[in-house]
Structures are given as C-alpha cells and as structure tokens.
Amino acid sequence: MKIFLALTSIVLPLIMFFLQKFQVKFRIIFNLGAIVSAIIFGDIASMSVYEIIKDKTVFMTNIHSIFLNPLFLLTGGYLGKYIIYRLIIITIDEG
C-alpha cells in the first residue's frame, strides 16, 4: 500500500500534466477541482478546530479525528497531487 501511495504521487501528476498539454479543457477541470477541494478541505479543518475550541477540549487526540473524515482525506490528497502537477508545469516552463 505504501508503494502504491508513493507511485500515485508521481504518476498521477504526470498524467495530469500530459492531459492538459493535449486538451486545454483539462486545465480548467484540474483548476476547478483544486478550488473546490481547497474550499472543502479548509472548511472541514476550520469546523474541526472550532468544535474543539467551543467544547474546550484540551486533548490533542481530538483534533486527530479529522483524519477519519474521508472527504478531508480525499480533498487533501487531490490538493497534494495538484501541487505536484503545478510544480511540474512551473519547472518545465522555466526550463
């Protein structure tokens, strides 16, 4: 499983890069996906922190329950791949 996760961090951004090179509409799709993911990711994180502050919970393990939220993990995973994809574009454009 660890190898699969590491490989997807390399392969998926490369696939995204080549797709956007051949079809411009993929750029828009990838960018919109990143915007939606950032909004959802940020909202989930801020709501979790707000709950901890509101409940006056001092145990650090309570904030870690955010990692049990599949939507948080999905959007965070996409943002990670998207950042690598954008770094590939920047590196090639500057090269």
N, C-alpha and C. Protein backbone atom coordinates (compact mmCIF):
# COMPACT_ATOMS: atom_id res chain seq x y z
N MET A 1 0.82 -1.19 0.00
CA MET A 1 0.00 0.00 0.00
C MET A 1 0.87 1.26 0.00
N LYS A 2 1.98 1.22 0.75
CA LYS A 2 2.86 2.39 0.79
C LYS A 2 3.47 2.67 -0.57
N ILE A 3 3.83 1.61 -1.29
CA ILE A 3 4.39 1.78 -2.63
C ILE A 3 3.34 2.37 -3.57
N PHE A 4 2.10 1.89 -3.47
CA PHE A 4 1.01 2.42 -4.29
C PHE A 4 0.81 3.91 -4.04
N LEU A 5 0.81 4.32 -2.78
CA LEU A 5 0.64 5.73 -2.45
C LEU A 5 1.80 6.57 -2.99
N ALA A 6 3.00 6.05 -2.86
CA ALA A 6 4.16 6.80 -3.37
C ALA A 6 4.13 6.90 -4.89
N LEU A 7 3.76 5.83 -5.56
CA LEU A 7 3.70 5.85 -7.02
C LEU A 7 2.62 6.80 -7.55
N THR A 8 1.49 6.85 -6.87
CA THR A 8 0.43 7.75 -7.33
C THR A 8 0.86 9.21 -7.19
N SER A 9 1.75 9.50 -6.24
CA SER A 9 2.25 10.87 -6.10
C SER A 9 3.14 11.27 -7.26
N ILE A 10 3.64 10.30 -7.98
CA ILE A 10 4.48 10.57 -9.14
C ILE A 10 3.67 10.43 -10.43
N VAL A 11 2.93 9.35 -10.55
CA VAL A 11 2.25 9.02 -11.80
C VAL A 11 1.06 9.94 -12.07
N LEU A 12 0.20 10.18 -11.09
CA LEU A 12 -1.00 11.00 -11.33
C LEU A 12 -0.67 12.43 -11.75
N PRO A 13 0.27 13.12 -11.10
CA PRO A 13 0.61 14.46 -11.60
C PRO A 13 1.18 14.45 -13.02
N LEU A 14 1.93 13.41 -13.36
CA LEU A 14 2.45 13.31 -14.74
C LEU A 14 1.31 13.09 -15.73
N ILE A 15 0.36 12.25 -15.38
CA ILE A 15 -0.81 12.05 -16.24
C ILE A 15 -1.58 13.36 -16.40
N MET A 16 -1.76 14.07 -15.29
CA MET A 16 -2.45 15.37 -15.34
C MET A 16 -1.70 16.33 -16.26
N PHE A 17 -0.38 16.35 -16.17
CA PHE A 17 0.43 17.24 -17.00
C PHE A 17 0.23 16.94 -18.48
N PHE A 18 0.31 15.66 -18.85
CA PHE A 18 0.18 15.32 -20.27
C PHE A 18 -1.25 15.52 -20.77
N LEU A 19 -2.22 15.27 -19.93
CA LEU A 19 -3.61 15.51 -20.34
C LEU A 19 -3.85 16.98 -20.64
N GLN A 20 -3.37 17.86 -19.80
CA GLN A 20 -3.59 19.29 -20.02
C GLN A 20 -2.79 19.81 -21.21
N LYS A 21 -1.72 19.12 -21.58
CA LYS A 21 -0.95 19.51 -22.76
C LYS A 21 -1.73 19.24 -24.04
N PHE A 22 -2.53 18.15 -24.04
CA PHE A 22 -3.25 17.76 -25.24
C PHE A 22 -4.66 18.32 -25.31
N GLN A 23 -5.27 18.59 -24.20
CA GLN A 23 -6.63 19.14 -24.15
C GLN A 23 -6.67 20.27 -23.14
N VAL A 24 -6.91 21.48 -23.62
CA VAL A 24 -6.90 22.66 -22.76
C VAL A 24 -7.99 22.59 -21.70
N LYS A 25 -9.12 21.94 -22.01
CA LYS A 25 -10.21 21.90 -21.03
C LYS A 25 -9.82 21.14 -19.76
N PHE A 26 -8.82 20.27 -19.83
CA PHE A 26 -8.36 19.57 -18.63
C PHE A 26 -7.74 20.55 -17.63
N ARG A 27 -7.11 21.61 -18.14
CA ARG A 27 -6.56 22.63 -17.24
C ARG A 27 -7.66 23.23 -16.38
N ILE A 28 -8.77 23.56 -17.02
CA ILE A 28 -9.89 24.14 -16.30
C ILE A 28 -10.46 23.15 -15.29
N ILE A 29 -10.60 21.90 -15.71
CA ILE A 29 -11.14 20.86 -14.82
C ILE A 29 -10.23 20.68 -13.61
N PHE A 30 -8.92 20.58 -13.84
CA PHE A 30 -7.98 20.40 -12.73
C PHE A 30 -7.98 21.60 -11.80
N ASN A 31 -8.04 22.81 -12.36
CA ASN A 31 -8.05 24.02 -11.55
C ASN A 31 -9.34 24.14 -10.73
N LEU A 32 -10.49 23.85 -11.36
CA LEU A 32 -11.76 23.89 -10.64
C LEU A 32 -11.78 22.84 -9.53
N GLY A 33 -11.24 21.66 -9.82
CA GLY A 33 -11.14 20.61 -8.80
C GLY A 33 -10.31 21.07 -7.62
N ALA A 34 -9.23 21.80 -7.88
CA ALA A 34 -8.38 22.30 -6.80
C ALA A 34 -9.10 23.37 -5.99
N ILE A 35 -9.86 24.23 -6.66
CA ILE A 35 -10.60 25.27 -5.94
C ILE A 35 -11.64 24.65 -5.02
N VAL A 36 -12.43 23.71 -5.56
CA VAL A 36 -13.46 23.05 -4.75
C VAL A 36 -12.82 22.27 -3.60
N SER A 37 -11.73 21.57 -3.89
CA SER A 37 -11.04 20.80 -2.85
C SER A 37 -10.50 21.70 -1.76
N ALA A 38 -9.93 22.84 -2.14
CA ALA A 38 -9.38 23.76 -1.14
C ALA A 38 -10.49 24.31 -0.24
N ILE A 39 -11.64 24.62 -0.83
CA ILE A 39 -12.76 25.13 -0.03
C ILE A 39 -13.24 24.07 0.95
N ILE A 40 -13.46 22.85 0.45
CA ILE A 40 -13.95 21.77 1.31
C ILE A 40 -12.92 21.43 2.39
N PHE A 41 -11.67 21.30 1.99
CA PHE A 41 -10.59 20.97 2.91
C PHE A 41 -10.48 22.02 4.02
N GLY A 42 -10.49 23.28 3.63
CA GLY A 42 -10.40 24.36 4.61
C GLY A 42 -11.59 24.42 5.53
N ASP A 43 -12.79 24.21 4.97
CA ASP A 43 -14.00 24.24 5.80
C ASP A 43 -14.01 23.12 6.83
N ILE A 44 -13.64 21.94 6.41
CA ILE A 44 -13.60 20.81 7.35
C ILE A 44 -12.58 21.07 8.46
N ALA A 45 -11.41 21.57 8.08
CA ALA A 45 -10.38 21.86 9.07
C ALA A 45 -10.83 22.95 10.04
N SER A 46 -11.42 24.01 9.51
CA SER A 46 -11.83 25.11 10.39
C SER A 46 -12.99 24.70 11.30
N MET A 47 -13.92 23.90 10.78
CA MET A 47 -15.03 23.44 11.61
C MET A 47 -14.53 22.52 12.73
N SER A 48 -13.54 21.71 12.44
CA SER A 48 -12.98 20.82 13.46
C SER A 48 -12.29 21.62 14.56
N VAL A 49 -11.53 22.62 14.17
CA VAL A 49 -10.86 23.46 15.16
C VAL A 49 -11.90 24.23 15.97
N TYR A 50 -12.92 24.74 15.31
CA TYR A 50 -13.98 25.46 16.01
C TYR A 50 -14.66 24.58 17.06
N GLU A 51 -14.95 23.33 16.70
CA GLU A 51 -15.58 22.40 17.65
C GLU A 51 -14.72 22.19 18.88
N ILE A 52 -13.42 22.07 18.68
CA ILE A 52 -12.51 21.85 19.80
C ILE A 52 -12.46 23.08 20.70
N ILE A 53 -12.42 24.25 20.09
CA ILE A 53 -12.42 25.49 20.88
C ILE A 53 -13.75 25.66 21.61
N LYS A 54 -14.85 25.40 20.91
CA LYS A 54 -16.18 25.56 21.50
C LYS A 54 -16.39 24.60 22.67
N ASP A 55 -15.95 23.35 22.50
CA ASP A 55 -16.13 22.34 23.54
C ASP A 55 -15.07 22.43 24.64
N LYS A 56 -14.10 23.33 24.44
CA LYS A 56 -12.99 23.50 25.38
C LYS A 56 -12.26 22.18 25.65
N THR A 57 -12.05 21.46 24.56
CA THR A 57 -11.34 20.18 24.62
C THR A 57 -9.85 20.45 24.54
N VAL A 58 -9.12 19.93 25.48
CA VAL A 58 -7.69 20.20 25.50
C VAL A 58 -6.86 19.01 25.03
N PHE A 59 -7.49 17.88 24.83
CA PHE A 59 -6.73 16.70 24.42
C PHE A 59 -6.38 16.81 22.94
N MET A 60 -5.12 16.65 22.62
CA MET A 60 -4.65 16.76 21.25
C MET A 60 -5.21 15.67 20.35
N THR A 61 -5.62 14.54 20.93
CA THR A 61 -6.14 13.45 20.11
C THR A 61 -7.47 13.82 19.46
N ASN A 62 -8.19 14.76 20.02
CA ASN A 62 -9.48 15.14 19.43
C ASN A 62 -9.32 15.76 18.05
N ILE A 63 -8.29 16.55 17.85
CA ILE A 63 -8.08 17.15 16.53
C ILE A 63 -7.72 16.08 15.51
N HIS A 64 -7.13 15.00 15.95
CA HIS A 64 -6.73 13.94 15.03
C HIS A 64 -7.93 13.18 14.47
N SER A 65 -9.10 13.36 15.05
CA SER A 65 -10.29 12.70 14.50
C SER A 65 -10.63 13.23 13.11
N ILE A 66 -10.06 14.37 12.75
CA ILE A 66 -10.28 14.93 11.41
C ILE A 66 -9.76 13.97 10.33
N PHE A 67 -8.76 13.18 10.68
CA PHE A 67 -8.20 12.23 9.72
C PHE A 67 -9.11 11.03 9.46
N LEU A 68 -10.18 10.93 10.21
CA LEU A 68 -11.17 9.86 9.97
C LEU A 68 -12.22 10.31 8.97
N ASN A 69 -12.20 11.56 8.58
CA ASN A 69 -13.17 12.08 7.62
C ASN A 69 -12.68 11.78 6.20
N PRO A 70 -13.39 10.91 5.45
CA PRO A 70 -12.92 10.54 4.11
C PRO A 70 -12.89 11.72 3.14
N LEU A 71 -13.81 12.66 3.28
CA LEU A 71 -13.83 13.82 2.39
C LEU A 71 -12.61 14.71 2.63
N PHE A 72 -12.20 14.83 3.88
CA PHE A 72 -10.99 15.58 4.21
C PHE A 72 -9.77 14.92 3.57
N LEU A 73 -9.70 13.61 3.68
CA LEU A 73 -8.56 12.88 3.10
C LEU A 73 -8.56 12.94 1.58
N LEU A 74 -9.73 12.85 0.97
CA LEU A 74 -9.85 12.89 -0.49
C LEU A 74 -9.43 14.25 -1.04
N THR A 75 -9.97 15.31 -0.44
CA THR A 75 -9.63 16.65 -0.93
C THR A 75 -8.17 16.99 -0.66
N GLY A 76 -7.66 16.59 0.49
CA GLY A 76 -6.25 16.82 0.80
C GLY A 76 -5.33 16.05 -0.15
N GLY A 77 -5.73 14.82 -0.46
CA GLY A 77 -4.96 14.02 -1.41
C GLY A 77 -4.92 14.65 -2.79
N TYR A 78 -6.08 15.15 -3.24
CA TYR A 78 -6.12 15.80 -4.56
C TYR A 78 -5.26 17.06 -4.56
N LEU A 79 -5.35 17.84 -3.50
CA LEU A 79 -4.53 19.06 -3.44
C LEU A 79 -3.03 18.73 -3.48
N GLY A 80 -2.64 17.64 -2.82
CA GLY A 80 -1.24 17.23 -2.88
C GLY A 80 -0.80 16.88 -4.28
N LYS A 81 -1.62 16.13 -5.00
CA LYS A 81 -1.30 15.76 -6.39
C LYS A 81 -1.31 17.00 -7.28
N TYR A 82 -2.27 17.89 -7.04
CA TYR A 82 -2.41 19.11 -7.85
C TYR A 82 -1.18 20.01 -7.68
N ILE A 83 -0.68 20.13 -6.46
CA ILE A 83 0.51 20.97 -6.23
C ILE A 83 1.71 20.40 -6.98
N ILE A 84 1.88 19.09 -6.97
CA ILE A 84 2.99 18.47 -7.70
C ILE A 84 2.81 18.71 -9.20
N TYR A 85 1.57 18.57 -9.70
CA TYR A 85 1.26 18.83 -11.11
C TYR A 85 1.63 20.26 -11.48
N ARG A 86 1.27 21.24 -10.64
CA ARG A 86 1.58 22.64 -10.92
C ARG A 86 3.10 22.88 -10.86
N LEU A 87 3.78 22.20 -9.95
CA LEU A 87 5.23 22.33 -9.87
C LEU A 87 5.91 21.78 -11.13
N ILE A 88 5.35 20.72 -11.69
CA ILE A 88 5.87 20.17 -12.95
C ILE A 88 5.73 21.22 -14.05
N ILE A 89 4.56 21.85 -14.13
CA ILE A 89 4.33 22.88 -15.15
C ILE A 89 5.31 24.03 -14.98
N ILE A 90 5.48 24.50 -13.75
CA ILE A 90 6.40 25.63 -13.48
C ILE A 90 7.82 25.23 -13.86
N THR A 91 8.24 24.04 -13.48
CA THR A 91 9.60 23.60 -13.76
C THR A 91 9.87 23.52 -15.25
N ILE A 92 8.92 23.00 -16.01
CA ILE A 92 9.10 22.86 -17.46
C ILE A 92 9.07 24.23 -18.15
N ASP A 93 8.18 25.12 -17.69
CA ASP A 93 8.10 26.45 -18.27
C ASP A 93 9.36 27.27 -18.01
N GLU A 94 9.96 27.08 -16.87
CA GLU A 94 11.17 27.83 -16.52
C GLU A 94 12.43 27.23 -17.13
N GLY A 95 12.33 25.99 -17.57
CA GLY A 95 13.50 25.28 -18.07
C GLY A 95 13.87 25.53 -19.45
